[in-house]
Amino acid sequence: MRSLLSIIFFIRATQAAPCEPLDGIFVKNSGPSKLTGSFKFTRTHFDMNLNYAGSPYRVENIPYSMVDVQDAGQGCELDIAESVLEKMPKNVREDVGLRLVFLYKGMLHFTTEFDGFESLKPVTFKKQGAQGTLRDRGSVVMIPPL
């Protein structure tokens, strides 16, 4: 019976938990050299303050949720309602890939096209002050038998 309980506990411990909301400031880790700025997250909203080659890309108080896309190997997706995306400034909608932002191994991943479709560039942002990566939800936890 104890072995069975250990196995059940092990299986439940290794299942992916729902994606948790973000909190804190994320700064550029990689991407176009002309891109600077950051994202500031609370558990329900975020502000984006980016600059590309002297042009500002800013939005404030954007509601979001986190969606688990672990089965697709992408971690968590930052979900922004279509109605919110449509109200963003045209340059943000067209140049910053906020429609598809993923949190994978503690970093935000998306693509930008500041210089048109031919210029698609991947970008990553990591949590400011983070050592290594945030919790990797796909890790295996070993539970010794009781």
C-alpha atoms as a PDB file:
ATOM      1  CA  MET A   1       0.000   0.000   0.000  1.00  0.00           C
ATOM      2  CA  ARG A   2       2.824   2.410   0.850  1.00  0.00           C
ATOM      3  CA  SER A   3       4.444   1.749  -2.514  1.00  0.00           C
ATOM      4  CA  LEU A   4       1.167   2.509  -4.270  1.00  0.00           C
ATOM      5  CA  LEU A   5       0.826   5.799  -2.388  1.00  0.00           C
ATOM      6  CA  SER A   6       4.422   6.691  -3.290  1.00  0.00           C
ATOM      7  CA  ILE A   7       3.707   6.024  -6.966  1.00  0.00           C
ATOM      8  CA  ILE A   8       0.501   8.095  -6.935  1.00  0.00           C
ATOM      9  CA  PHE A   9       2.283  10.956  -5.166  1.00  0.00           C
ATOM     10  CA  PHE A  10       5.173  10.748  -7.650  1.00  0.00           C
ATOM     11  CA  ILE A  11       2.810  10.899 -10.639  1.00  0.00           C
ATOM     12  CA  ARG A  12       0.926  13.887  -9.232  1.00  0.00           C
ATOM     13  CA  ALA A  13       4.159  15.693  -8.334  1.00  0.00           C
ATOM     14  CA  THR A  14       5.534  15.353 -11.848  1.00  0.00           C
ATOM     15  CA  GLN A  15       2.404  16.572 -13.645  1.00  0.00           C
ATOM     16  CA  ALA A  16       2.683  20.141 -14.910  1.00  0.00           C
ATOM     17  CA  ALA A  17       0.959  22.703 -12.728  1.00  0.00           C
ATOM     18  CA  PRO A  18      -1.116  25.428 -14.375  1.00  0.00           C
ATOM     19  CA  CYS A  19       0.926  28.339 -15.680  1.00  0.00           C
ATOM     20  CA  GLU A  20       1.310  30.971 -13.012  1.00  0.00           C
ATOM     21  CA  PRO A  21       0.979  34.711 -13.716  1.00  0.00           C
ATOM     22  CA  LEU A  22       4.206  36.651 -14.139  1.00  0.00           C
ATOM     23  CA  ASP A  23       5.510  39.208 -11.683  1.00  0.00           C
ATOM     24  CA  GLY A  24       8.485  41.530 -12.036  1.00  0.00           C
ATOM     25  CA  ILE A  25      10.551  43.227 -14.710  1.00  0.00           C
ATOM     26  CA  PHE A  26      11.793  41.389 -17.807  1.00  0.00           C
ATOM     27  CA  VAL A  27      14.737  42.866 -19.742  1.00  0.00           C
ATOM     28  CA  LYS A  28      16.091  42.015 -23.193  1.00  0.00           C
ATOM     29  CA  ASN A  29      18.323  38.960 -23.271  1.00  0.00           C
ATOM     30  CA  SER A  30      18.705  38.615 -27.046  1.00  0.00           C
ATOM     31  CA  GLY A  31      17.369  40.206 -30.213  1.00  0.00           C
ATOM     32  CA  PRO A  32      18.049  43.126 -32.549  1.00  0.00           C
ATOM     33  CA  SER A  33      20.852  45.403 -31.326  1.00  0.00           C
ATOM     34  CA  LYS A  34      18.681  48.508 -31.905  1.00  0.00           C
ATOM     35  CA  LEU A  35      16.028  47.180 -29.493  1.00  0.00           C
ATOM     36  CA  THR A  36      16.024  48.329 -25.859  1.00  0.00           C
ATOM     37  CA  GLY A  37      13.481  48.374 -23.059  1.00  0.00           C
ATOM     38  CA  SER A  38      11.554  46.127 -20.730  1.00  0.00           C
ATOM     39  CA  PHE A  39       8.266  44.558 -19.697  1.00  0.00           C
ATOM     40  CA  LYS A  40       6.852  45.138 -16.204  1.00  0.00           C
ATOM     41  CA  PHE A  41       4.415  42.432 -15.069  1.00  0.00           C
ATOM     42  CA  THR A  42       1.943  42.219 -12.229  1.00  0.00           C
ATOM     43  CA  ARG A  43      -0.148  39.094 -11.754  1.00  0.00           C
ATOM     44  CA  THR A  44      -2.965  40.508 -13.937  1.00  0.00           C
ATOM     45  CA  HIS A  45      -1.505  43.230 -16.196  1.00  0.00           C
ATOM     46  CA  PHE A  46       1.716  44.334 -17.853  1.00  0.00           C
ATOM     47  CA  ASP A  47       3.373  47.450 -19.239  1.00  0.00           C
ATOM     48  CA  MET A  48       5.716  47.311 -22.223  1.00  0.00           C
ATOM     49  CA  ASN A  49       8.258  50.074 -22.741  1.00  0.00           C
ATOM     50  CA  LEU A  50      10.406  49.285 -25.800  1.00  0.00           C
ATOM     51  CA  ASN A  51      12.434  51.449 -28.147  1.00  0.00           C
ATOM     52  CA  TYR A  52      13.703  50.426 -31.572  1.00  0.00           C
ATOM     53  CA  ALA A  53      16.121  52.742 -33.418  1.00  0.00           C
ATOM     54  CA  GLY A  54      14.669  55.781 -31.652  1.00  0.00           C
ATOM     55  CA  SER A  55      10.995  54.820 -32.116  1.00  0.00           C
ATOM     56  CA  PRO A  56       8.958  54.136 -28.965  1.00  0.00           C
ATOM     57  CA  TYR A  57       6.747  51.055 -28.614  1.00  0.00           C
ATOM     58  CA  ARG A  58       4.743  51.484 -25.427  1.00  0.00           C
ATOM     59  CA  VAL A  59       1.568  50.044 -23.969  1.00  0.00           C
ATOM     60  CA  GLU A  60       0.314  50.160 -20.385  1.00  0.00           C
ATOM     61  CA  ASN A  61      -2.037  48.236 -18.157  1.00  0.00           C
ATOM     62  CA  ILE A  62      -2.563  45.344 -20.610  1.00  0.00           C
ATOM     63  CA  PRO A  63      -4.612  42.483 -19.095  1.00  0.00           C
ATOM     64  CA  TYR A  64      -3.278  38.989 -19.757  1.00  0.00           C
ATOM     65  CA  SER A  65      -3.461  35.406 -18.596  1.00  0.00           C
ATOM     66  CA  MET A  66      -1.069  32.481 -18.899  1.00  0.00           C
ATOM     67  CA  VAL A  67      -2.081  29.414 -20.927  1.00  0.00           C
ATOM     68  CA  ASP A  68      -0.323  26.055 -20.613  1.00  0.00           C
ATOM     69  CA  VAL A  69       1.052  24.871 -23.977  1.00  0.00           C
ATOM     70  CA  GLN A  70       3.446  22.337 -22.438  1.00  0.00           C
ATOM     71  CA  ASP A  71       2.136  19.577 -24.721  1.00  0.00           C
ATOM     72  CA  ALA A  72       3.419  21.580 -27.679  1.00  0.00           C
ATOM     73  CA  GLY A  73       6.816  21.910 -25.958  1.00  0.00           C
ATOM     74  CA  GLN A  74       6.465  25.679 -25.666  1.00  0.00           C
ATOM     75  CA  GLY A  75       5.912  26.155 -21.932  1.00  0.00           C
ATOM     76  CA  CYS A  76       3.276  28.817 -21.266  1.00  0.00           C
ATOM     77  CA  GLU A  77       1.679  31.283 -23.648  1.00  0.00           C
ATOM     78  CA  LEU A  78       0.966  34.886 -22.714  1.00  0.00           C
ATOM     79  CA  ASP A  79      -2.689  35.258 -23.738  1.00  0.00           C
ATOM     80  CA  ILE A  80      -3.964  38.734 -24.610  1.00  0.00           C
ATOM     81  CA  ALA A  81      -7.574  39.151 -25.733  1.00  0.00           C
ATOM     82  CA  GLU A  82      -7.974  40.003 -29.416  1.00  0.00           C
ATOM     83  CA  SER A  83     -10.080  43.056 -28.486  1.00  0.00           C
ATOM     84  CA  VAL A  84      -7.162  44.372 -26.393  1.00  0.00           C
ATOM     85  CA  LEU A  85      -4.622  43.706 -29.156  1.00  0.00           C
ATOM     86  CA  GLU A  86      -6.770  45.612 -31.671  1.00  0.00           C
ATOM     87  CA  LYS A  87      -6.795  48.719 -29.431  1.00  0.00           C
ATOM     88  CA  MET A  88      -2.977  48.871 -29.267  1.00  0.00           C
ATOM     89  CA  PRO A  89      -1.115  51.456 -31.362  1.00  0.00           C
ATOM     90  CA  LYS A  90      -0.600  50.353 -34.969  1.00  0.00           C
ATOM     91  CA  ASN A  91       3.203  50.232 -34.681  1.00  0.00           C
ATOM     92  CA  VAL A  92       2.959  47.896 -31.651  1.00  0.00           C
ATOM     93  CA  ARG A  93       0.410  45.614 -33.367  1.00  0.00           C
ATOM     94  CA  GLU A  94       2.472  45.368 -36.554  1.00  0.00           C
ATOM     95  CA  ASP A  95       6.070  45.326 -35.290  1.00  0.00           C
ATOM     96  CA  VAL A  96       6.045  43.649 -31.860  1.00  0.00           C
ATOM     97  CA  GLY A  97       4.890  40.026 -31.829  1.00  0.00           C
ATOM     98  CA  LEU A  98       2.555  40.234 -28.841  1.00  0.00           C
ATOM     99  CA  ARG A  99       0.075  37.827 -30.465  1.00  0.00           C
ATOM    100  CA  LEU A 100       2.512  34.935 -29.829  1.00  0.00           C
ATOM    101  CA  VAL A 101       4.591  35.365 -26.675  1.00  0.00           C
ATOM    102  CA  PHE A 102       5.771  32.260 -24.830  1.00  0.00           C
ATOM    103  CA  LEU A 103       7.382  31.796 -21.421  1.00  0.00           C
ATOM    104  CA  TYR A 104       9.852  28.949 -21.783  1.00  0.00           C
ATOM    105  CA  LYS A 105      12.578  28.123 -19.260  1.00  0.00           C
ATOM    106  CA  GLY A 106      12.049  31.445 -17.510  1.00  0.00           C
ATOM    107  CA  MET A 107      12.327  33.671 -20.590  1.00  0.00           C
ATOM    108  CA  LEU A 108       9.775  35.434 -22.765  1.00  0.00           C
ATOM    109  CA  HIS A 109      10.127  34.432 -26.434  1.00  0.00           C
ATOM    110  CA  PHE A 110       8.543  36.209 -29.415  1.00  0.00           C
ATOM    111  CA  THR A 111       9.421  37.583 -32.842  1.00  0.00           C
ATOM    112  CA  THR A 112       9.597  41.164 -34.072  1.00  0.00           C
ATOM    113  CA  GLU A 113       9.423  42.662 -37.539  1.00  0.00           C
ATOM    114  CA  PHE A 114      10.511  46.274 -37.033  1.00  0.00           C
ATOM    115  CA  ASP A 115      11.810  46.590 -40.590  1.00  0.00           C
ATOM    116  CA  GLY A 116       8.979  44.701 -42.320  1.00  0.00           C
ATOM    117  CA  PHE A 117       8.098  41.038 -42.772  1.00  0.00           C
ATOM    118  CA  GLU A 118      11.490  40.247 -44.322  1.00  0.00           C
ATOM    119  CA  SER A 119      13.119  41.267 -41.020  1.00  0.00           C
ATOM    120  CA  LEU A 120      11.538  38.733 -38.628  1.00  0.00           C
ATOM    121  CA  LYS A 121      13.851  38.452 -35.614  1.00  0.00           C
ATOM    122  CA  PRO A 122      13.486  36.279 -32.514  1.00  0.00           C
ATOM    123  CA  VAL A 123      13.704  38.123 -29.195  1.00  0.00           C
ATOM    124  CA  THR A 124      14.050  36.889 -25.615  1.00  0.00           C
ATOM    125  CA  PHE A 125      13.496  38.776 -22.372  1.00  0.00           C
ATOM    126  CA  LYS A 126      14.506  37.403 -18.967  1.00  0.00           C
ATOM    127  CA  LYS A 127      13.466  38.395 -15.479  1.00  0.00           C
ATOM    128  CA  GLN A 128      15.682  41.147 -14.145  1.00  0.00           C
ATOM    129  CA  GLY A 129      18.016  39.863 -11.447  1.00  0.00           C
ATOM    130  CA  ALA A 130      17.150  36.216 -12.148  1.00  0.00           C
ATOM    131  CA  GLN A 131      19.984  33.752 -11.734  1.00  0.00           C
ATOM    132  CA  GLY A 132      19.691  31.114 -14.436  1.00  0.00           C
ATOM    133  CA  THR A 133      16.090  30.331 -15.305  1.00  0.00           C
ATOM    134  CA  LEU A 134      12.831  30.408 -13.434  1.00  0.00           C
ATOM    135  CA  ARG A 135      11.283  27.164 -12.269  1.00  0.00           C
ATOM    136  CA  ASP A 136      11.216  24.627 -15.098  1.00  0.00           C
ATOM    137  CA  ARG A 137       7.735  23.135 -14.844  1.00  0.00           C
ATOM    138  CA  GLY A 138       8.756  20.042 -16.811  1.00  0.00           C
ATOM    139  CA  SER A 139      11.358  18.792 -14.351  1.00  0.00           C
ATOM    140  CA  VAL A 140      11.052  15.360 -12.743  1.00  0.00           C
ATOM    141  CA  VAL A 141      10.910  15.121  -8.962  1.00  0.00           C
ATOM    142  CA  MET A 142      12.208  11.879  -7.476  1.00  0.00           C
ATOM    143  CA  ILE A 143      10.231  10.647  -4.463  1.00  0.00           C
ATOM    144  CA  PRO A 144      11.809   7.825  -2.442  1.00  0.00           C
ATOM    145  CA  PRO A 145       9.501   4.919  -1.508  1.00  0.00           C
ATOM    146  CA  LEU A 146       7.967   5.049   1.987  1.00  0.00           C
END
